[in-house]
């Protein structure tokens, strides 16, 4: 069985591939593609081996994942691997092989692959009819994420976005910190989080920190070109707004 992964988060794509091969080492992962443009180019190229199944994220680095389906009238079965909420999950489960919410649970992934194998003889595909039903379901859903999943050992936690004070990069990994002080790893980069979060509520103040408006306890003008922020909960080091973001930060505060 040949599969294609369309996912713009390198760590998420790598983790998904490892999970797939752990479930069935005979599966061939043809490629891991980060953008809709590259995925369309790959699928249009007759020299490329065509996948039997696509693992598709929805928010890609250059476009919506549905752009691929629309552009190609795609009939290849799809398992969605994305960050949407339960409303979207119900819509997608009715019209695709399956829908997996990040971070992907290995048992759910195994069940999805087994489901595909059972349906494969029946050549289950996404037809134009089902596509027409899926796309309207996408539009009324929340534009921004209102919940996040996080894992700690074997436990999975779900948090409202309003519970999150800030996201940080620590040793190349992304973590969220709740207002109650708890700390969890998440699979998203700060770049991806800026797409998933409402920009009215969250702002990336520097290279390693994305904060909630409600996390700001105090702001200090250290000099004409330097702002220091006190956060709740406090960080172990001083927090400064990058000099090239100060004007945008002030505009954000004044909205």
Protein backbone atom coordinates (compact mmCIF):
# COMPACT_ATOMS: atom_id res chain seq x y z
CA UNK A 1 0.00 0.00 0.00
CA UNK A 2 1.34 3.42 -1.00
CA UNK A 3 0.49 6.50 1.06
CA UNK A 4 1.20 10.21 0.72
CA UNK A 5 1.52 12.56 3.71
CA UNK A 6 0.53 16.20 3.14
CA UNK A 7 1.56 18.07 6.28
CA UNK A 8 3.49 21.33 6.70
CA UNK A 9 4.73 20.66 10.23
CA UNK A 10 7.98 18.71 9.88
CA UNK A 11 7.80 17.15 13.36
CA UNK A 12 4.15 16.17 12.90
CA UNK A 13 4.89 14.63 9.50
CA UNK A 14 7.84 12.70 10.90
CA UNK A 15 5.82 11.45 13.86
CA UNK A 16 2.93 10.41 11.60
CA UNK A 17 5.26 8.49 9.30
CA UNK A 18 6.84 6.68 12.26
CA UNK A 19 3.40 5.77 13.60
CA UNK A 20 2.26 4.49 10.21
CA UNK A 21 5.32 2.31 9.76
CA UNK A 22 5.04 1.09 13.34
CA UNK A 23 1.52 -0.10 12.60
CA UNK A 24 2.36 -1.68 9.24
CA UNK A 25 6.02 -1.77 8.09
CA UNK A 26 4.91 -2.90 4.61
CA UNK A 27 3.28 0.49 3.93
CA UNK A 28 5.32 2.66 1.58
CA UNK A 29 5.32 6.37 2.40
CA UNK A 30 5.89 7.87 -1.04
CA UNK A 31 6.60 11.40 0.18
CA UNK A 32 5.89 13.94 2.87
CA UNK A 33 4.75 17.18 1.24
CA UNK A 34 4.34 20.52 3.09
CA UNK A 35 2.19 22.54 0.68
CA UNK A 36 -0.91 22.33 -1.48
CA UNK A 37 1.06 23.52 -4.52
CA UNK A 38 3.65 20.75 -4.18
CA UNK A 39 0.99 18.13 -3.50
CA UNK A 40 -0.91 19.12 -6.66
CA UNK A 41 2.31 19.01 -8.68
CA UNK A 42 3.17 15.57 -7.29
CA UNK A 43 -0.28 14.11 -8.03
CA UNK A 44 -0.39 15.61 -11.53
CA UNK A 45 3.00 14.16 -12.50
CA UNK A 46 2.41 10.84 -14.32
CA UNK A 47 5.99 9.80 -13.54
CA UNK A 48 5.18 9.65 -9.82
CA UNK A 49 3.69 6.60 -8.16
CA UNK A 50 0.14 7.49 -7.18
CA UNK A 51 -0.89 6.87 -3.57
CA UNK A 52 -3.64 4.49 -2.52
CA UNK A 53 -4.34 6.74 0.47
CA UNK A 54 -3.56 10.34 1.44
CA UNK A 55 -3.05 11.65 4.97
CA UNK A 56 -4.11 15.28 4.60
CA UNK A 57 -3.78 18.24 6.94
CA UNK A 58 -6.18 21.11 6.26
CA UNK A 59 -4.12 24.23 7.10
CA UNK A 60 -1.00 24.01 4.93
CA UNK A 61 1.78 26.52 4.55
CA UNK A 62 0.40 28.00 1.32
CA UNK A 63 -3.31 27.17 1.15
CA UNK A 64 -6.23 25.16 2.46
CA UNK A 65 -5.83 21.41 1.98
CA UNK A 66 -9.15 21.32 0.18
CA UNK A 67 -7.45 23.22 -2.64
CA UNK A 68 -5.84 19.92 -3.60
CA UNK A 69 -9.18 18.13 -3.79
CA UNK A 70 -10.83 20.92 -5.76
CA UNK A 71 -7.99 21.41 -8.23
CA UNK A 72 -7.70 17.75 -9.15
CA UNK A 73 -11.26 16.49 -8.61
CA UNK A 74 -9.41 14.11 -6.36
CA UNK A 75 -10.87 10.61 -5.97
CA UNK A 76 -8.11 9.12 -3.83
CA UNK A 77 -9.32 8.14 -0.32
CA UNK A 78 -8.26 10.56 2.41
CA UNK A 79 -7.66 10.39 6.13
CA UNK A 80 -7.73 13.92 7.53
CA UNK A 81 -5.03 14.59 10.14
CA UNK A 82 -5.73 18.08 11.36
CA UNK A 83 -6.44 20.41 14.24
CA UNK A 84 -10.14 21.18 13.88
CA UNK A 85 -12.71 20.78 16.61
CA UNK A 86 -15.48 18.22 17.12
CA UNK A 87 -17.87 20.10 14.84
CA UNK A 88 -15.53 19.58 11.91
CA UNK A 89 -14.84 16.05 13.00
CA UNK A 90 -18.49 15.10 12.66
CA UNK A 91 -18.64 16.64 9.19
CA UNK A 92 -15.54 14.87 7.93
CA UNK A 93 -16.24 11.46 9.41
CA UNK A 94 -19.32 11.15 7.22
CA UNK A 95 -17.44 11.81 3.98
CA UNK A 96 -13.92 10.43 4.26
CA UNK A 97 -12.11 7.32 5.41
CA UNK A 98 -11.57 8.97 8.78
CA UNK A 99 -10.63 12.12 10.68
CA UNK A 100 -7.84 12.16 13.25
CA UNK A 101 -7.38 15.01 15.69
CA UNK A 102 -3.83 16.04 16.55
CA UNK A 103 -1.88 14.89 18.46
CA UNK A 104 -2.71 11.65 16.69
CA UNK A 105 -3.56 8.71 18.91
CA UNK A 106 -1.74 5.56 17.65
CA UNK A 107 -4.76 3.34 18.36
CA UNK A 108 -7.07 5.65 16.39
CA UNK A 109 -4.57 5.72 13.52
CA UNK A 110 -4.41 1.93 13.52
CA UNK A 111 -8.21 1.76 13.41
CA UNK A 112 -8.28 4.22 10.49
CA UNK A 113 -5.76 2.22 8.47
CA UNK A 114 -7.70 -0.97 9.18
CA UNK A 115 -10.89 0.75 8.07
CA UNK A 116 -9.25 1.80 4.81
CA UNK A 117 -8.05 -1.74 4.14
CA UNK A 118 -11.57 -3.08 4.70
CA UNK A 119 -13.04 -0.49 2.33
CA UNK A 120 -10.33 -0.70 -0.33
CA UNK A 121 -11.99 -3.51 -2.35
CA UNK A 122 -15.07 -1.31 -2.56
CA UNK A 123 -12.91 1.56 -3.96
CA UNK A 124 -14.26 4.10 -1.51
CA UNK A 125 -13.46 7.60 -2.79
CA UNK A 126 -14.33 11.23 -2.31
CA UNK A 127 -16.75 11.96 -5.14
CA UNK A 128 -17.81 15.35 -6.41
CA UNK A 129 -21.04 14.94 -4.47
CA UNK A 130 -19.34 14.31 -1.15
CA UNK A 131 -16.88 17.15 -1.82
CA UNK A 132 -19.79 19.52 -2.37
CA UNK A 133 -21.13 18.47 1.02
CA UNK A 134 -17.81 18.78 2.83
CA UNK A 135 -16.90 22.28 1.65
CA UNK A 136 -20.02 23.96 3.03
CA UNK A 137 -19.37 22.22 6.33
CA UNK A 138 -15.94 23.85 6.42
CA UNK A 139 -17.25 27.39 6.07
CA UNK A 140 -19.49 27.74 9.16
CA UNK A 141 -16.99 26.17 11.52
CA UNK A 142 -14.93 28.31 13.87
CA UNK A 143 -12.18 30.01 11.90
CA UNK A 144 -9.78 29.74 14.81
CA UNK A 145 -9.09 26.91 17.22
CA UNK A 146 -10.94 27.04 20.50
CA UNK A 147 -9.40 23.90 22.01
CA UNK A 148 -5.99 22.22 22.07
CA UNK A 149 -4.97 18.67 22.84
CA UNK A 150 -1.78 17.95 24.76
CA UNK A 151 -0.18 14.74 25.96
CA UNK A 152 1.75 13.83 29.08
CA UNK A 153 2.93 10.24 29.09
CA UNK A 154 -0.07 8.08 28.23
CA UNK A 155 -2.59 10.76 29.24
CA UNK A 156 -4.33 13.11 26.80
CA UNK A 157 -5.63 16.50 27.93
CA UNK A 158 -7.98 18.94 26.23
CA UNK A 159 -7.84 22.66 27.05
CA UNK A 160 -9.88 25.64 25.97
CA UNK A 161 -7.80 28.27 24.19
CA UNK A 162 -8.99 30.75 26.81
CA UNK A 163 -7.13 28.69 29.44
CA UNK A 164 -3.78 29.21 27.69
CA UNK A 165 -1.53 32.05 28.79
CA UNK A 166 1.25 31.65 26.24
CA UNK A 167 3.18 29.32 23.91
CA UNK A 168 6.96 29.07 24.06
CA UNK A 169 9.82 27.43 22.19
CA UNK A 170 12.13 25.49 24.47
CA UNK A 171 14.93 23.31 23.12
CA UNK A 172 13.33 23.23 19.64
CA UNK A 173 9.98 22.03 21.02
CA UNK A 174 6.77 24.03 21.50
CA UNK A 175 5.03 24.19 24.86
CA UNK A 176 1.84 25.79 26.08
CA UNK A 177 1.46 27.18 29.59
CA UNK A 178 -1.91 27.48 31.21
CA UNK A 179 -2.95 30.29 33.51
CA UNK A 180 -2.88 27.77 36.37
CA UNK A 181 0.84 27.19 35.68
CA UNK A 182 0.68 23.74 34.08
CA UNK A 183 3.02 23.15 31.17
CA UNK A 184 2.49 20.80 28.18
CA UNK A 185 4.19 20.03 24.88
CA UNK A 186 2.22 20.55 21.66
CA UNK A 187 2.98 19.52 18.07
CA UNK A 188 2.71 22.95 16.47
CA UNK A 189 5.38 25.49 15.62
CA UNK A 190 4.78 29.12 16.58
CA UNK A 191 4.36 29.89 12.88
CA UNK A 192 1.49 27.41 12.62
CA UNK A 193 -0.05 28.62 15.88
CA UNK A 194 -0.26 32.17 14.53
CA UNK A 195 -2.53 30.76 11.79
CA UNK A 196 -4.67 28.72 14.18
CA UNK A 197 -5.20 31.36 16.86
CA UNK A 198 -7.33 34.49 16.70
CA UNK A 199 -4.88 37.40 16.14
CA UNK A 200 -7.12 39.60 18.27
CA UNK A 201 -6.31 37.38 21.26
CA UNK A 202 -2.73 36.18 20.66
CA UNK A 203 0.41 38.00 19.52
CA UNK A 204 3.92 36.75 18.81
CA UNK A 205 6.11 39.18 20.74
CA UNK A 206 9.43 37.64 19.75
CA UNK A 207 10.99 34.62 18.07
CA UNK A 208 10.20 32.20 20.91
CA UNK A 209 7.02 33.51 22.54
CA UNK A 210 3.35 33.84 21.55
CA UNK A 211 1.19 35.38 24.26
CA UNK A 212 -2.47 35.83 25.11
CA UNK A 213 -3.74 39.35 25.63
CA UNK A 214 -5.03 38.18 29.02
CA UNK A 215 -1.55 36.99 30.05
CA UNK A 216 -0.15 40.54 30.20
CA UNK A 217 0.20 41.72 33.80
CA UNK A 218 2.31 44.81 33.19
CA UNK A 219 4.34 46.54 30.44
CA UNK A 220 7.50 48.57 31.06
CA UNK A 221 9.07 51.05 28.60
CA UNK A 222 12.76 50.38 29.27
CA UNK A 223 13.80 52.83 26.55
CA UNK A 224 12.34 54.37 23.41
CA UNK A 225 12.87 51.17 21.50
CA UNK A 226 12.50 48.51 24.17
CA UNK A 227 9.45 47.08 25.93
CA UNK A 228 9.51 44.60 28.80
CA UNK A 229 6.41 42.53 29.63
CA UNK A 230 5.40 40.89 32.91
CA UNK A 231 3.28 37.81 32.29
CA UNK A 232 0.92 35.69 34.32
CA UNK A 233 2.19 33.14 35.11
CA UNK A 234 5.67 34.64 35.22
CA UNK A 235 8.48 33.27 33.08
CA UNK A 236 11.89 32.43 34.48
CA UNK A 237 13.57 35.08 32.32
CA UNK A 238 12.68 38.65 31.35
CA UNK A 239 10.36 38.98 28.36
CA UNK A 240 11.00 41.67 25.76
CA UNK A 241 9.09 42.59 22.62
CA UNK A 242 11.29 42.34 19.53
CA UNK A 243 12.20 45.82 18.33
CA UNK A 244 10.72 45.20 14.89
CA UNK A 245 7.38 44.17 16.45
CA UNK A 246 6.90 47.05 18.88
CA UNK A 247 4.70 49.20 16.62
CA UNK A 248 2.55 46.21 15.66
CA UNK A 249 2.38 45.18 19.32
CA UNK A 250 1.14 48.62 20.37
CA UNK A 251 -1.45 48.56 17.59
CA UNK A 252 -2.58 45.13 18.81
CA UNK A 253 -2.97 46.43 22.34
CA UNK A 254 -5.00 49.38 21.11
CA UNK A 255 -7.50 47.42 19.03
